[in-house]
Amino acid sequence: MADNDWKKRLNIVYSTNPDFAYETDDEDEPETLAPAGQKLCVALDSRNRSGKTVTLVTGFVGRDDDLKQLCKDLKTKCGVGGSAKDGEIIIQGKFKERVHALLVGMGYTQAKMK
């Protein structure tokens, strides 16, 4: 479908000024760092998760698409579920050592375990 201009201007009051430029809150995503430049931290967490333990990978700097692709690769290689949002990857289960080894194998040399 075509990108409709009016969707970007929702909740903006009409202006009679012909030179008025609509300002939107589009934030530019940060450029994804190279794997060797990422400072990732791998840890186990069970807070606010009903006693279930998950493996957290934090510290990712880059676009959401790259974060989701990394999450997909880790989930596939561990054979479990998970999610990726806000620069954080959640892998279901206790896979701290395995995820760290996978990240180092993918070129994330600065990945650390907590």
Protein backbone atom coordinates (compact mmCIF):
# COMPACT_ATOMS: atom_id res chain seq x y z
CA MET A 1 0.00 0.00 0.00
CA ALA A 2 1.04 3.57 -0.53
CA ASP A 3 2.38 5.53 2.41
CA ASN A 4 -0.39 7.97 3.30
CA ASP A 5 0.81 11.39 4.43
CA TRP A 6 -2.22 12.03 6.66
CA LYS A 7 -1.27 9.16 8.98
CA LYS A 8 1.87 11.03 9.97
CA ARG A 9 -0.19 14.11 10.87
CA LEU A 10 -2.72 12.56 13.23
CA ASN A 11 -3.54 14.72 16.27
CA ILE A 12 -2.12 17.86 14.60
CA VAL A 13 -4.32 20.92 14.45
CA TYR A 14 -5.02 22.42 11.03
CA SER A 15 -2.83 25.35 10.00
CA THR A 16 -3.73 28.05 7.48
CA ASN A 17 -0.06 28.99 7.00
CA PRO A 18 1.03 27.64 3.59
CA ASP A 19 4.69 27.49 4.76
CA PHE A 20 3.89 25.43 7.87
CA ALA A 21 5.95 22.27 8.12
CA TYR A 22 4.59 19.38 10.14
CA GLU A 23 7.08 18.05 12.67
CA THR A 24 6.91 14.40 13.56
CA ASP A 25 8.69 12.58 16.35
CA ASP A 26 10.57 10.20 14.09
CA GLU A 27 13.74 9.11 15.86
CA ASP A 28 16.63 7.86 13.81
CA GLU A 29 17.75 4.44 14.92
CA PRO A 30 21.42 4.26 15.88
CA GLU A 31 23.68 2.57 13.38
CA THR A 32 24.51 -1.01 14.31
CA LEU A 33 28.03 -1.44 15.63
CA ALA A 34 30.26 -4.20 14.30
CA PRO A 35 30.09 -7.43 16.31
CA ALA A 36 33.60 -6.88 17.69
CA GLY A 37 32.53 -3.44 18.96
CA GLN A 38 29.40 -4.60 20.81
CA LYS A 39 29.73 -4.84 24.59
CA LEU A 40 27.14 -7.48 25.38
CA CYS A 41 26.39 -8.86 28.83
CA VAL A 42 24.89 -12.34 29.27
CA ALA A 43 23.12 -13.04 32.58
CA LEU A 44 20.40 -15.16 34.14
CA ASP A 45 17.30 -13.44 35.49
CA SER A 46 14.14 -14.62 37.22
CA ARG A 47 12.73 -11.37 38.63
CA ASN A 48 9.09 -10.60 37.79
CA ARG A 49 8.82 -13.78 35.73
CA SER A 50 6.80 -16.03 38.07
CA GLY A 51 9.91 -17.98 39.09
CA LYS A 52 10.88 -18.83 35.51
CA THR A 53 14.55 -18.33 34.69
CA VAL A 54 15.56 -16.61 31.46
CA THR A 55 18.86 -15.71 29.87
CA LEU A 56 19.25 -11.97 29.22
CA VAL A 57 21.58 -10.47 26.64
CA THR A 58 21.87 -6.72 27.21
CA GLY A 59 23.95 -3.89 25.80
CA PHE A 60 23.13 -4.23 22.08
CA VAL A 61 23.57 -0.99 20.16
CA GLY A 62 21.94 -0.82 16.76
CA ARG A 63 18.81 -1.16 14.69
CA ASP A 64 15.84 -3.21 15.86
CA ASP A 65 16.00 -5.40 12.74
CA ASP A 66 19.57 -6.45 13.56
CA LEU A 67 18.60 -7.11 17.19
CA LYS A 68 15.70 -9.30 16.10
CA GLN A 69 17.93 -11.21 13.67
CA LEU A 70 20.49 -11.90 16.41
CA CYS A 71 17.67 -13.02 18.70
CA LYS A 72 16.33 -15.34 16.01
CA ASP A 73 19.77 -16.89 15.50
CA LEU A 74 20.24 -17.48 19.24
CA LYS A 75 16.75 -18.92 19.68
CA THR A 76 17.23 -21.27 16.74
CA LYS A 77 20.61 -22.53 17.95
CA CYS A 78 19.36 -23.02 21.52
CA GLY A 79 16.06 -24.55 20.39
CA VAL A 80 13.93 -22.37 22.67
CA GLY A 81 11.67 -19.33 22.55
CA GLY A 82 12.39 -15.75 23.44
CA SER A 83 11.96 -12.15 22.38
CA ALA A 84 13.93 -9.02 21.54
CA LYS A 85 13.01 -5.44 22.44
CA ASP A 86 14.57 -2.27 23.83
CA GLY A 87 18.13 -3.44 23.12
CA GLU A 88 17.63 -6.60 25.16
CA ILE A 89 17.30 -10.25 24.12
CA ILE A 90 15.36 -12.67 26.33
CA ILE A 91 16.03 -16.39 25.82
CA GLN A 92 13.77 -18.75 27.76
CA GLY A 93 15.71 -21.08 30.06
CA LYS A 94 19.18 -21.36 31.60
CA PHE A 95 21.49 -21.04 28.59
CA LYS A 96 24.06 -18.55 29.87
CA GLU A 97 27.19 -20.51 28.90
CA ARG A 98 25.75 -21.68 25.59
CA VAL A 99 24.60 -18.18 24.54
CA HIS A 100 27.99 -16.74 25.51
CA ALA A 101 29.78 -19.38 23.43
CA LEU A 102 27.46 -18.72 20.47
CA LEU A 103 28.03 -14.95 20.68
CA VAL A 104 31.81 -15.38 20.80
CA GLY A 105 31.56 -17.74 17.83
CA MET A 106 29.57 -15.10 15.91
CA GLY A 107 32.33 -12.52 16.46
CA TYR A 108 30.99 -10.72 19.55
CA THR A 109 34.37 -10.90 21.29
CA GLN A 110 33.51 -8.42 24.07
CA ALA A 111 30.54 -10.47 25.34
CA LYS A 112 30.78 -11.06 29.10
CA MET A 113 28.94 -13.31 31.51
CA LYS A 114 27.62 -11.99 34.81
